[in-house]
C-alpha atoms as a PDB file:
ATOM      1  CA  MET A   1     -44.950 -22.326   9.010  1.00  0.00           C
ATOM      2  CA  ALA A   2     -48.655 -22.898   8.540  1.00  0.00           C
ATOM      3  CA  GLU A   3     -50.053 -26.063   7.035  1.00  0.00           C
ATOM      4  CA  ILE A   4     -50.388 -26.112   3.264  1.00  0.00           C
ATOM      5  CA  ASN A   5     -53.565 -24.381   2.140  1.00  0.00           C
ATOM      6  CA  THR A   6     -55.810 -25.110  -0.844  1.00  0.00           C
ATOM      7  CA  ILE A   7     -53.710 -26.092  -3.865  1.00  0.00           C
ATOM      8  CA  LEU A   8     -53.684 -23.553  -6.724  1.00  0.00           C
ATOM      9  CA  PRO A   9     -52.781 -25.803  -9.676  1.00  0.00           C
ATOM     10  CA  ASP A  10     -53.154 -23.232 -12.473  1.00  0.00           C
ATOM     11  CA  LYS A  11     -52.258 -19.904 -10.870  1.00  0.00           C
ATOM     12  CA  TRP A  12     -48.757 -18.468 -11.245  1.00  0.00           C
ATOM     13  CA  LEU A  13     -46.964 -16.586  -8.522  1.00  0.00           C
ATOM     14  CA  MET A  14     -44.632 -13.966  -9.993  1.00  0.00           C
ATOM     15  CA  ILE A  15     -41.669 -13.293  -7.688  1.00  0.00           C
ATOM     16  CA  VAL A  16     -40.389  -9.931  -8.879  1.00  0.00           C
ATOM     17  CA  ASN A  17     -36.908  -8.639  -8.045  1.00  0.00           C
ATOM     18  CA  PRO A  18     -36.970  -4.838  -8.542  1.00  0.00           C
ATOM     19  CA  ASN A  19     -33.152  -4.720  -8.309  1.00  0.00           C
ATOM     20  CA  ALA A  20     -32.561  -7.320 -11.034  1.00  0.00           C
ATOM     21  CA  GLY A  21     -30.593  -6.114 -14.019  1.00  0.00           C
ATOM     22  CA  VAL A  22     -29.313  -3.101 -12.030  1.00  0.00           C
ATOM     23  CA  LYS A  23     -32.849  -1.801 -11.323  1.00  0.00           C
ATOM     24  CA  LYS A  24     -34.206  -3.017 -14.668  1.00  0.00           C
ATOM     25  CA  GLY A  25     -36.780  -4.949 -12.658  1.00  0.00           C
ATOM     26  CA  THR A  26     -38.152  -1.684 -11.266  1.00  0.00           C
ATOM     27  CA  LYS A  27     -38.248  -0.011 -14.662  1.00  0.00           C
ATOM     28  CA  ASP A  28     -39.752  -2.897 -16.634  1.00  0.00           C
ATOM     29  CA  TRP A  29     -42.179  -4.460 -14.144  1.00  0.00           C
ATOM     30  CA  PRO A  30     -45.111  -2.149 -15.123  1.00  0.00           C
ATOM     31  CA  LYS A  31     -44.649  -3.222 -18.748  1.00  0.00           C
ATOM     32  CA  ILE A  32     -44.447  -6.915 -17.803  1.00  0.00           C
ATOM     33  CA  LEU A  33     -47.488  -6.560 -15.539  1.00  0.00           C
ATOM     34  CA  ARG A  34     -49.499  -5.038 -18.385  1.00  0.00           C
ATOM     35  CA  ILE A  35     -48.543  -7.867 -20.774  1.00  0.00           C
ATOM     36  CA  LEU A  36     -49.464 -10.511 -18.188  1.00  0.00           C
ATOM     37  CA  GLN A  37     -52.883  -8.890 -17.798  1.00  0.00           C
ATOM     38  CA  GLU A  38     -53.416  -8.496 -21.548  1.00  0.00           C
ATOM     39  CA  GLU A  39     -52.465 -12.154 -22.108  1.00  0.00           C
ATOM     40  CA  LYS A  40     -54.944 -13.164 -19.406  1.00  0.00           C
ATOM     41  CA  VAL A  41     -52.386 -15.061 -17.323  1.00  0.00           C
ATOM     42  CA  ASP A  42     -53.827 -16.189 -13.986  1.00  0.00           C
ATOM     43  CA  PHE A  43     -51.294 -14.832 -11.494  1.00  0.00           C
ATOM     44  CA  ASP A  44     -50.460 -13.095  -8.249  1.00  0.00           C
ATOM     45  CA  PHE A  45     -47.180 -11.346  -7.547  1.00  0.00           C
ATOM     46  CA  ARG A  46     -44.783 -10.494  -4.741  1.00  0.00           C
ATOM     47  CA  LEU A  47     -41.907  -8.002  -4.794  1.00  0.00           C
ATOM     48  CA  THR A  48     -38.620  -8.862  -3.109  1.00  0.00           C
ATOM     49  CA  THR A  49     -37.235  -6.224  -0.756  1.00  0.00           C
ATOM     50  CA  CYS A  50     -33.762  -7.509   0.084  1.00  0.00           C
ATOM     51  CA  LYS A  51     -31.185 -10.189  -0.657  1.00  0.00           C
ATOM     52  CA  GLY A  52     -32.536 -13.611   0.330  1.00  0.00           C
ATOM     53  CA  HIS A  53     -36.170 -12.478   0.388  1.00  0.00           C
ATOM     54  CA  ALA A  54     -37.141 -14.704  -2.569  1.00  0.00           C
ATOM     55  CA  ILE A  55     -36.193 -17.776  -0.485  1.00  0.00           C
ATOM     56  CA  GLU A  56     -38.714 -16.766   2.170  1.00  0.00           C
ATOM     57  CA  ILE A  57     -41.406 -15.812  -0.359  1.00  0.00           C
ATOM     58  CA  THR A  58     -41.054 -19.174  -2.129  1.00  0.00           C
ATOM     59  CA  ALA A  59     -41.409 -21.242   1.036  1.00  0.00           C
ATOM     60  CA  GLU A  60     -44.485 -19.232   2.061  1.00  0.00           C
ATOM     61  CA  ALA A  61     -45.961 -19.473  -1.450  1.00  0.00           C
ATOM     62  CA  ILE A  62     -45.668 -23.264  -1.634  1.00  0.00           C
ATOM     63  CA  ALA A  63     -47.200 -23.582   1.839  1.00  0.00           C
ATOM     64  CA  GLY A  64     -49.953 -21.279   0.582  1.00  0.00           C
ATOM     65  CA  GLY A  65     -50.809 -23.669  -2.253  1.00  0.00           C
ATOM     66  CA  TYR A  66     -48.907 -22.225  -5.237  1.00  0.00           C
ATOM     67  CA  ARG A  67     -47.439 -24.855  -7.546  1.00  0.00           C
ATOM     68  CA  ASN A  68     -46.302 -22.581 -10.414  1.00  0.00           C
ATOM     69  CA  ILE A  69     -43.645 -19.998  -9.559  1.00  0.00           C
ATOM     70  CA  CYS A  70     -42.152 -17.606 -12.089  1.00  0.00           C
ATOM     71  CA  VAL A  71     -39.080 -15.473 -11.454  1.00  0.00           C
ATOM     72  CA  VAL A  72     -39.175 -11.958 -12.847  1.00  0.00           C
ATOM     73  CA  GLY A  73     -35.498 -11.339 -12.324  1.00  0.00           C
ATOM     74  CA  GLY A  74     -32.158 -12.966 -13.037  1.00  0.00           C
ATOM     75  CA  ASP A  75     -30.132 -16.063 -12.221  1.00  0.00           C
ATOM     76  CA  GLY A  76     -29.606 -15.002  -8.601  1.00  0.00           C
ATOM     77  CA  THR A  77     -33.338 -14.659  -7.961  1.00  0.00           C
ATOM     78  CA  LEU A  78     -33.960 -18.050  -9.572  1.00  0.00           C
ATOM     79  CA  ASN A  79     -31.308 -19.515  -7.260  1.00  0.00           C
ATOM     80  CA  GLU A  80     -33.096 -18.086  -4.227  1.00  0.00           C
ATOM     81  CA  VAL A  81     -36.428 -19.501  -5.376  1.00  0.00           C
ATOM     82  CA  LEU A  82     -34.854 -22.937  -5.796  1.00  0.00           C
ATOM     83  CA  ASN A  83     -33.438 -22.754  -2.276  1.00  0.00           C
ATOM     84  CA  GLY A  84     -36.854 -21.834  -0.890  1.00  0.00           C
ATOM     85  CA  VAL A  85     -38.454 -25.103  -2.057  1.00  0.00           C
ATOM     86  CA  PRO A  86     -36.890 -27.462   0.542  1.00  0.00           C
ATOM     87  CA  LEU A  87     -37.732 -25.039   3.366  1.00  0.00           C
ATOM     88  CA  THR A  88     -41.416 -25.876   2.979  1.00  0.00           C
ATOM     89  CA  PRO A  89     -42.493 -28.648   5.400  1.00  0.00           C
ATOM     90  CA  GLY A  90     -42.804 -31.946   3.532  1.00  0.00           C
ATOM     91  CA  PHE A  91     -41.025 -30.680   0.407  1.00  0.00           C
ATOM     92  CA  THR A  92     -37.572 -31.849  -0.682  1.00  0.00           C
ATOM     93  CA  LEU A  93     -35.321 -31.711  -3.720  1.00  0.00           C
ATOM     94  CA  GLY A  94     -34.932 -35.338  -4.743  1.00  0.00           C
ATOM     95  CA  ALA A  95     -35.409 -38.538  -2.779  1.00  0.00           C
ATOM     96  CA  SER A  96     -34.242 -38.757   0.812  1.00  0.00           C
ATOM     97  CA  ALA A  97     -31.735 -41.459   1.777  1.00  0.00           C
ATOM     98  CA  GLY A  98     -33.543 -44.767   2.165  1.00  0.00           C
ATOM     99  CA  SER A  99     -36.776 -43.260   0.878  1.00  0.00           C
ATOM    100  CA  SER A 100     -38.709 -43.342  -2.382  1.00  0.00           C
ATOM    101  CA  THR A 101     -39.994 -39.794  -1.787  1.00  0.00           C
ATOM    102  CA  THR A 102     -39.625 -37.542  -4.813  1.00  0.00           C
ATOM    103  CA  THR A 103     -40.005 -33.829  -5.303  1.00  0.00           C
ATOM    104  CA  PRO A 104     -43.609 -32.588  -5.256  1.00  0.00           C
ATOM    105  CA  CYS A 105     -44.793 -31.024  -8.491  1.00  0.00           C
ATOM    106  CA  ILE A 106     -43.462 -27.467  -8.435  1.00  0.00           C
ATOM    107  CA  THR A 107     -43.005 -25.827 -11.842  1.00  0.00           C
ATOM    108  CA  LEU A 108     -40.515 -22.968 -12.203  1.00  0.00           C
ATOM    109  CA  GLY A 109     -40.569 -20.399 -14.995  1.00  0.00           C
ATOM    110  CA  MET A 110     -38.682 -17.215 -15.758  1.00  0.00           C
ATOM    111  CA  ILE A 111     -39.197 -13.814 -17.341  1.00  0.00           C
ATOM    112  CA  PRO A 112     -35.589 -12.662 -17.651  1.00  0.00           C
ATOM    113  CA  VAL A 113     -34.675  -9.137 -16.512  1.00  0.00           C
ATOM    114  CA  GLY A 114     -31.251  -9.922 -15.004  1.00  0.00           C
ATOM    115  CA  THR A 115     -27.842  -8.833 -16.253  1.00  0.00           C
ATOM    116  CA  GLY A 116     -26.596 -12.307 -17.258  1.00  0.00           C
ATOM    117  CA  ASN A 117     -29.698 -14.482 -17.728  1.00  0.00           C
ATOM    118  CA  ASP A 118     -27.432 -17.475 -18.362  1.00  0.00           C
ATOM    119  CA  TRP A 119     -29.881 -20.159 -17.253  1.00  0.00           C
ATOM    120  CA  CYS A 120     -32.341 -18.835 -19.859  1.00  0.00           C
ATOM    121  CA  ARG A 121     -29.751 -19.305 -22.610  1.00  0.00           C
ATOM    122  CA  MET A 122     -29.647 -23.013 -21.871  1.00  0.00           C
ATOM    123  CA  PHE A 123     -33.394 -23.444 -22.331  1.00  0.00           C
ATOM    124  CA  ASN A 124     -34.089 -20.869 -25.070  1.00  0.00           C
ATOM    125  CA  ILE A 125     -36.152 -18.622 -22.801  1.00  0.00           C
ATOM    126  CA  PRO A 126     -36.699 -15.447 -24.875  1.00  0.00           C
ATOM    127  CA  PHE A 127     -35.519 -12.086 -23.542  1.00  0.00           C
ATOM    128  CA  ASP A 128     -38.593 -10.581 -25.223  1.00  0.00           C
ATOM    129  CA  TYR A 129     -41.220 -10.275 -22.461  1.00  0.00           C
ATOM    130  CA  LEU A 130     -44.255 -11.180 -24.564  1.00  0.00           C
ATOM    131  CA  LYS A 131     -42.550 -14.300 -25.938  1.00  0.00           C
ATOM    132  CA  ALA A 132     -41.403 -15.355 -22.456  1.00  0.00           C
ATOM    133  CA  ILE A 133     -44.948 -14.934 -21.117  1.00  0.00           C
ATOM    134  CA  ASN A 134     -46.365 -16.981 -23.997  1.00  0.00           C
ATOM    135  CA  LEU A 135     -44.006 -19.792 -22.954  1.00  0.00           C
ATOM    136  CA  LEU A 136     -45.604 -19.732 -19.505  1.00  0.00           C
ATOM    137  CA  LYS A 137     -49.016 -20.104 -21.144  1.00  0.00           C
ATOM    138  CA  GLN A 138     -47.844 -23.003 -23.336  1.00  0.00           C
ATOM    139  CA  LYS A 139     -46.178 -24.602 -20.295  1.00  0.00           C
ATOM    140  CA  LYS A 140     -43.889 -26.948 -22.184  1.00  0.00           C
ATOM    141  CA  THR A 141     -41.832 -28.475 -19.379  1.00  0.00           C
ATOM    142  CA  PHE A 142     -38.507 -30.190 -18.783  1.00  0.00           C
ATOM    143  CA  LEU A 143     -37.271 -32.094 -15.734  1.00  0.00           C
ATOM    144  CA  GLN A 144     -33.748 -30.892 -14.935  1.00  0.00           C
ATOM    145  CA  ASP A 145     -31.006 -31.883 -12.506  1.00  0.00           C
ATOM    146  CA  VAL A 146     -29.986 -29.707  -9.568  1.00  0.00           C
ATOM    147  CA  GLY A 147     -26.574 -29.319  -7.950  1.00  0.00           C
ATOM    148  CA  LYS A 148     -26.051 -29.324  -4.187  1.00  0.00           C
ATOM    149  CA  VAL A 149     -22.906 -27.934  -2.594  1.00  0.00           C
ATOM    150  CA  THR A 150     -21.778 -28.140   1.014  1.00  0.00           C
ATOM    151  CA  TYR A 151     -19.361 -25.339   1.917  1.00  0.00           C
ATOM    152  CA  TYR A 152     -18.225 -23.235   4.856  1.00  0.00           C
ATOM    153  CA  HIS A 153     -19.024 -19.661   5.846  1.00  0.00           C
ATOM    154  CA  GLN A 154     -17.320 -18.227   8.919  1.00  0.00           C
ATOM    155  CA  ASN A 155     -16.431 -21.786  10.005  1.00  0.00           C
ATOM    156  CA  LYS A 156     -20.071 -22.909   9.802  1.00  0.00           C
ATOM    157  CA  GLN A 157     -21.053 -25.665   7.391  1.00  0.00           C
ATOM    158  CA  MET A 158     -23.720 -24.538   4.918  1.00  0.00           C
ATOM    159  CA  ILE A 159     -25.713 -26.059   2.034  1.00  0.00           C
ATOM    160  CA  ARG A 160     -26.802 -24.378  -1.195  1.00  0.00           C
ATOM    161  CA  TYR A 161     -28.642 -25.739  -4.220  1.00  0.00           C
ATOM    162  CA  PHE A 162     -27.991 -24.439  -7.730  1.00  0.00           C
ATOM    163  CA  MET A 163     -29.657 -24.805 -11.127  1.00  0.00           C
ATOM    164  CA  ASN A 164     -26.954 -23.497 -13.415  1.00  0.00           C
ATOM    165  CA  VAL A 165     -23.218 -23.208 -12.629  1.00  0.00           C
ATOM    166  CA  ALA A 166     -21.032 -22.937  -9.536  1.00  0.00           C
ATOM    167  CA  GLY A 167     -17.699 -21.154  -9.823  1.00  0.00           C
ATOM    168  CA  MET A 168     -14.558 -21.172  -7.715  1.00  0.00           C
ATOM    169  CA  GLY A 169     -11.221 -19.390  -7.643  1.00  0.00           C
ATOM    170  CA  TYR A 170     -10.988 -16.554 -10.129  1.00  0.00           C
ATOM    171  CA  ASP A 171     -14.588 -17.047 -11.244  1.00  0.00           C
ATOM    172  CA  ALA A 172     -15.763 -16.481  -7.655  1.00  0.00           C
ATOM    173  CA  LEU A 173     -13.582 -13.371  -7.288  1.00  0.00           C
ATOM    174  CA  VAL A 174     -15.037 -11.816 -10.443  1.00  0.00           C
ATOM    175  CA  ALA A 175     -18.596 -12.657  -9.312  1.00  0.00           C
ATOM    176  CA  LYS A 176     -17.946 -11.075  -5.906  1.00  0.00           C
ATOM    177  CA  LYS A 177     -16.654  -7.828  -7.420  1.00  0.00           C
ATOM    178  CA  THR A 178     -19.548  -7.739  -9.873  1.00  0.00           C
ATOM    179  CA  ASN A 179     -22.074  -8.291  -7.069  1.00  0.00           C
ATOM    180  CA  MET A 180     -20.547  -5.550  -4.908  1.00  0.00           C
ATOM    181  CA  LEU A 181     -21.025  -3.090  -7.759  1.00  0.00           C
ATOM    182  CA  LYS A 182     -24.576  -4.281  -8.442  1.00  0.00           C
ATOM    183  CA  GLU A 183     -25.484  -3.826  -4.770  1.00  0.00           C
ATOM    184  CA  LYS A 184     -24.613  -0.150  -5.205  1.00  0.00           C
ATOM    185  CA  GLY A 185     -26.977   0.070  -8.185  1.00  0.00           C
ATOM    186  CA  LEU A 186     -24.093   0.291 -10.641  1.00  0.00           C
ATOM    187  CA  GLY A 187     -22.772  -1.850 -13.463  1.00  0.00           C
ATOM    188  CA  GLY A 188     -24.488  -3.528 -16.372  1.00  0.00           C
ATOM    189  CA  PRO A 189     -24.256  -6.462 -18.790  1.00  0.00           C
ATOM    190  CA  LEU A 190     -20.528  -5.905 -19.417  1.00  0.00           C
ATOM    191  CA  THR A 191     -19.564  -5.516 -15.744  1.00  0.00           C
ATOM    192  CA  TYR A 192     -18.589  -9.168 -15.328  1.00  0.00           C
ATOM    193  CA  MET A 193     -16.354  -9.019 -18.410  1.00  0.00           C
ATOM    194  CA  TYR A 194     -14.733  -5.817 -17.138  1.00  0.00           C
ATOM    195  CA  PHE A 195     -13.733  -7.516 -13.888  1.00  0.00           C
ATOM    196  CA  VAL A 196     -12.433 -10.567 -15.774  1.00  0.00           C
ATOM    197  CA  PHE A 197      -9.582  -8.326 -16.894  1.00  0.00           C
ATOM    198  CA  ALA A 198      -9.488  -5.677 -14.131  1.00  0.00           C
ATOM    199  CA  SER A 199      -8.959  -8.239 -11.330  1.00  0.00           C
ATOM    200  CA  LEU A 200      -6.530 -10.486 -13.164  1.00  0.00           C
ATOM    201  CA  PHE A 201      -3.230  -9.451 -11.636  1.00  0.00           C
ATOM    202  CA  GLN A 202      -4.394  -9.267  -8.028  1.00  0.00           C
ATOM    203  CA  PHE A 203      -5.496 -12.904  -7.989  1.00  0.00           C
ATOM    204  CA  LYS A 204      -3.253 -15.494  -6.331  1.00  0.00           C
ATOM    205  CA  PHE A 205      -3.298 -19.123  -7.436  1.00  0.00           C
ATOM    206  CA  ILE A 206      -4.680 -21.627  -4.929  1.00  0.00           C
ATOM    207  CA  GLU A 207      -3.315 -25.094  -4.171  1.00  0.00           C
ATOM    208  CA  ALA A 208      -6.167 -27.587  -4.283  1.00  0.00           C
ATOM    209  CA  VAL A 209      -6.956 -31.298  -4.282  1.00  0.00           C
ATOM    210  CA  ILE A 210      -9.919 -32.475  -6.362  1.00  0.00           C
ATOM    211  CA  GLU A 211     -11.644 -35.862  -6.166  1.00  0.00           C
ATOM    212  CA  VAL A 212     -14.305 -37.064  -8.610  1.00  0.00           C
ATOM    213  CA  ASP A 213     -16.522 -39.928  -7.441  1.00  0.00           C
ATOM    214  CA  GLY A 214     -13.988 -40.841  -4.769  1.00  0.00           C
ATOM    215  CA  LYS A 215     -10.987 -40.963  -7.121  1.00  0.00           C
ATOM    216  CA  ALA A 216      -8.104 -38.472  -7.200  1.00  0.00           C
ATOM    217  CA  ALA A 217      -8.480 -36.212 -10.242  1.00  0.00           C
ATOM    218  CA  PHE A 218      -6.110 -33.281  -9.689  1.00  0.00           C
ATOM    219  CA  LYS A 219      -3.616 -31.884  -7.203  1.00  0.00           C
ATOM    220  CA  GLY A 220      -1.893 -28.565  -7.805  1.00  0.00           C
ATOM    221  CA  GLU A 221      -2.429 -24.845  -8.199  1.00  0.00           C
ATOM    222  CA  ILE A 222      -5.607 -23.753  -9.924  1.00  0.00           C
ATOM    223  CA  PHE A 223      -6.744 -20.533 -11.529  1.00  0.00           C
ATOM    224  CA  SER A 224     -10.479 -21.084 -11.912  1.00  0.00           C
ATOM    225  CA  MET A 225     -13.031 -23.873 -11.795  1.00  0.00           C
ATOM    226  CA  ASN A 226     -16.671 -24.383 -12.707  1.00  0.00           C
ATOM    227  CA  VAL A 227     -19.108 -27.149 -11.769  1.00  0.00           C
ATOM    228  CA  GLY A 228     -22.130 -27.090 -14.022  1.00  0.00           C
ATOM    229  CA  ILE A 229     -25.617 -28.451 -14.496  1.00  0.00           C
ATOM    230  CA  CYS A 230     -25.939 -26.131 -17.513  1.00  0.00           C
ATOM    231  CA  LYS A 231     -23.415 -24.638 -19.945  1.00  0.00           C
ATOM    232  CA  TYR A 232     -23.427 -20.846 -19.563  1.00  0.00           C
ATOM    233  CA  ASN A 233     -22.339 -18.286 -16.965  1.00  0.00           C
ATOM    234  CA  GLY A 234     -20.838 -14.816 -16.779  1.00  0.00           C
ATOM    235  CA  GLY A 235     -23.280 -13.297 -19.261  1.00  0.00           C
ATOM    236  CA  GLY A 236     -22.979 -15.721 -22.167  1.00  0.00           C
ATOM    237  CA  MET A 237     -19.677 -17.485 -21.509  1.00  0.00           C
ATOM    238  CA  MET A 238     -19.776 -21.202 -22.278  1.00  0.00           C
ATOM    239  CA  GLN A 239     -17.426 -22.383 -19.566  1.00  0.00           C
ATOM    240  CA  VAL A 240     -19.015 -25.834 -19.118  1.00  0.00           C
ATOM    241  CA  PRO A 241     -19.700 -26.784 -22.750  1.00  0.00           C
ATOM    242  CA  PHE A 242     -20.285 -30.514 -22.163  1.00  0.00           C
ATOM    243  CA  ALA A 243     -22.975 -30.048 -19.497  1.00  0.00           C
ATOM    244  CA  ILE A 244     -26.281 -31.852 -20.066  1.00  0.00           C
ATOM    245  CA  PRO A 245     -28.989 -30.690 -17.649  1.00  0.00           C
ATOM    246  CA  ASP A 246     -30.704 -34.067 -17.189  1.00  0.00           C
ATOM    247  CA  ASP A 247     -27.893 -36.653 -17.394  1.00  0.00           C
ATOM    248  CA  GLY A 248     -27.498 -37.086 -13.629  1.00  0.00           C
ATOM    249  CA  LEU A 249     -23.892 -35.866 -13.748  1.00  0.00           C
ATOM    250  CA  LEU A 250     -21.947 -32.772 -12.743  1.00  0.00           C
ATOM    251  CA  ASP A 251     -19.630 -31.339 -15.388  1.00  0.00           C
ATOM    252  CA  VAL A 252     -16.341 -29.781 -14.293  1.00  0.00           C
ATOM    253  CA  THR A 253     -14.074 -27.380 -16.154  1.00  0.00           C
ATOM    254  CA  LEU A 254     -10.754 -26.700 -14.438  1.00  0.00           C
ATOM    255  CA  ILE A 255      -8.275 -24.028 -15.532  1.00  0.00           C
ATOM    256  CA  LYS A 256      -4.916 -24.888 -14.006  1.00  0.00           C
ATOM    257  CA  LYS A 257      -2.202 -22.419 -13.068  1.00  0.00           C
ATOM    258  CA  THR A 258      -1.141 -20.582 -16.189  1.00  0.00           C
ATOM    259  CA  SER A 259       0.301 -17.281 -17.337  1.00  0.00           C
ATOM    260  CA  LYS A 260      -2.231 -14.542 -16.740  1.00  0.00           C
ATOM    261  CA  TRP A 261      -1.351 -13.135 -20.142  1.00  0.00           C
ATOM    262  CA  MET A 262      -2.559 -16.447 -21.572  1.00  0.00           C
ATOM    263  CA  VAL A 263      -5.939 -15.748 -19.965  1.00  0.00           C
ATOM    264  CA  VAL A 264      -6.092 -12.417 -21.788  1.00  0.00           C
ATOM    265  CA  ARG A 265      -4.962 -14.006 -25.046  1.00  0.00           C
ATOM    266  CA  TYR A 266      -7.603 -16.741 -25.005  1.00  0.00           C
ATOM    267  CA  ALA A 267     -10.484 -14.874 -23.340  1.00  0.00           C
ATOM    268  CA  ARG A 268     -12.602 -15.169 -26.497  1.00  0.00           C
ATOM    269  CA  LYS A 269     -12.565 -18.956 -26.087  1.00  0.00           C
ATOM    270  CA  LEU A 270     -14.685 -18.543 -22.962  1.00  0.00           C
ATOM    271  CA  PHE A 271     -17.656 -17.703 -25.186  1.00  0.00           C
ATOM    272  CA  ASP A 272     -17.690 -20.622 -27.629  1.00  0.00           C
ATOM    273  CA  GLY A 273     -16.627 -23.452 -25.326  1.00  0.00           C
ATOM    274  CA  SER A 274     -13.319 -23.994 -27.105  1.00  0.00           C
ATOM    275  CA  LEU A 275     -11.349 -23.174 -23.943  1.00  0.00           C
ATOM    276  CA  VAL A 276     -11.581 -26.902 -23.105  1.00  0.00           C
ATOM    277  CA  ASP A 277      -9.167 -27.577 -25.993  1.00  0.00           C
ATOM    278  CA  LEU A 278      -6.369 -25.598 -24.311  1.00  0.00           C
ATOM    279  CA  PRO A 279      -3.575 -27.573 -22.591  1.00  0.00           C
ATOM    280  CA  MET A 280      -4.053 -25.814 -19.246  1.00  0.00           C
ATOM    281  CA  VAL A 281      -7.746 -26.856 -19.100  1.00  0.00           C
ATOM    282  CA  ALA A 282      -9.101 -30.192 -17.831  1.00  0.00           C
ATOM    283  CA  THR A 283     -12.683 -31.479 -17.783  1.00  0.00           C
ATOM    284  CA  TYR A 284     -14.356 -34.132 -15.634  1.00  0.00           C
ATOM    285  CA  LYS A 285     -17.787 -35.692 -15.105  1.00  0.00           C
ATOM    286  CA  GLY A 286     -19.144 -37.253 -11.954  1.00  0.00           C
ATOM    287  CA  GLU A 287     -21.914 -37.498  -9.391  1.00  0.00           C
ATOM    288  CA  ASN A 288     -19.775 -36.306  -6.490  1.00  0.00           C
ATOM    289  CA  ILE A 289     -16.947 -33.739  -6.439  1.00  0.00           C
ATOM    290  CA  ARG A 290     -14.818 -33.040  -3.355  1.00  0.00           C
ATOM    291  CA  ILE A 291     -12.407 -30.116  -3.162  1.00  0.00           C
ATOM    292  CA  ARG A 292      -9.884 -29.208  -0.470  1.00  0.00           C
ATOM    293  CA  SER A 293      -7.411 -26.337  -0.587  1.00  0.00           C
ATOM    294  CA  THR A 294      -4.443 -25.049   1.409  1.00  0.00           C
ATOM    295  CA  GLY A 295      -5.822 -21.501   1.405  1.00  0.00           C
ATOM    296  CA  LYS A 296      -9.461 -20.471   1.187  1.00  0.00           C
ATOM    297  CA  LEU A 297     -10.929 -21.167  -2.221  1.00  0.00           C
ATOM    298  CA  PHE A 298     -14.111 -19.112  -2.575  1.00  0.00           C
ATOM    299  CA  LEU A 299     -17.424 -20.047  -4.200  1.00  0.00           C
ATOM    300  CA  GLU A 300     -20.328 -18.606  -6.141  1.00  0.00           C
ATOM    301  CA  THR A 301     -23.437 -20.440  -7.315  1.00  0.00           C
ATOM    302  CA  ASP A 302     -25.617 -19.032 -10.104  1.00  0.00           C
ATOM    303  CA  GLY A 303     -23.758 -15.738  -9.631  1.00  0.00           C
ATOM    304  CA  GLU A 304     -24.416 -15.521  -5.868  1.00  0.00           C
ATOM    305  CA  SER A 305     -21.261 -15.137  -3.737  1.00  0.00           C
ATOM    306  CA  LEU A 306     -21.058 -17.650  -0.882  1.00  0.00           C
ATOM    307  CA  GLY A 307     -18.310 -19.135   1.300  1.00  0.00           C
ATOM    308  CA  HIS A 308     -15.128 -21.188   1.005  1.00  0.00           C
ATOM    309  CA  THR A 309     -13.548 -24.652   1.006  1.00  0.00           C
ATOM    310  CA  PRO A 310     -13.801 -27.489   1.740  1.00  0.00           C
ATOM    311  CA  PHE A 311     -16.546 -28.233  -0.793  1.00  0.00           C
ATOM    312  CA  THR A 312     -18.636 -31.294  -1.549  1.00  0.00           C
ATOM    313  CA  PHE A 313     -20.751 -31.184  -4.697  1.00  0.00           C
ATOM    314  CA  GLU A 314     -23.562 -33.658  -5.385  1.00  0.00           C
ATOM    315  CA  VAL A 315     -26.124 -33.961  -8.158  1.00  0.00           C
ATOM    316  CA  ILE A 316     -29.853 -34.502  -7.587  1.00  0.00           C
ATOM    317  CA  PRO A 317     -31.154 -36.000 -10.838  1.00  0.00           C
ATOM    318  CA  ARG A 318     -34.244 -34.661 -12.600  1.00  0.00           C
ATOM    319  CA  CYS A 319     -35.811 -33.074  -9.533  1.00  0.00           C
ATOM    320  CA  VAL A 320     -37.127 -29.702 -10.741  1.00  0.00           C
ATOM    321  CA  THR A 321     -39.757 -29.113 -13.405  1.00  0.00           C
ATOM    322  CA  ILE A 322     -39.059 -25.989 -15.470  1.00  0.00           C
ATOM    323  CA  VAL A 323     -40.785 -24.219 -18.351  1.00  0.00           C
ATOM    324  CA  THR A 324     -38.553 -24.486 -21.410  1.00  0.00           C
ATOM    325  CA  GLY A 325     -38.393 -22.856 -24.823  1.00  0.00           C
ATOM    326  CA  LYS A 326     -36.764 -25.886 -26.428  1.00  0.00           C
END
């Protein structure tokens, strides 16, 4: 990659995902573009053309001097942008081991057009386009933590960063089915909830061992698990209600093996955070989470389907500057 060009401290780069929100990005981008122009926002834009393209665009943009990047898309596009930052020469997420190096000043914003927009819920980013754009102009910022997970895909060790929530077990199965439908241009805001029930009786419980900060936390069969920086996933579910995005800790919600009819009975508790009061649910906090399983336990981060166990989760404290509505 080329050396970093002249820094553009005030200009925004809009990374637009036309497929976000089941093609809502395509339909609404002309309207968003017009509002950006009317509000006299200083910006350029790039359109993504395929899965993973926002990672490449981000790395090129930072090398090109952009320091303000706004996602016009959903949680998955934001996740790709985050993962593009450390691909730029000289840029990292957090301090390197034995080094005092910190993340260069990259500010991330969002105009939500995705199906879930769960990260936006955490930071009161309006779904109204004009209000979201005015937040970019005000540029009130917050320094949030980022999660890092090491996992395996086709027997190759991989790394992924996430800004919101990672899900395993049943959560990952539902995300995978939802993503397969979205890739066909189908589905909508209720698709995730549909698969929560439609996939229930085909899922098999997985035997797993969980360690938190080097100490044994759980051994047994699990139904679903979330590791969160923020609280919301699945289109408004509050599955990690104790998460604080700048406390330097990962929050874990574990649903142990239980009757699948109990899942149906208490599904409403997924939306107000009260699921953590149920006897089959356990919560943990820590800087490092390790998970092993007898069968393959699958993973999604910020709604993006990835690989399988073994997993190692780490937290990188306060390493990304974001535009917030709080």
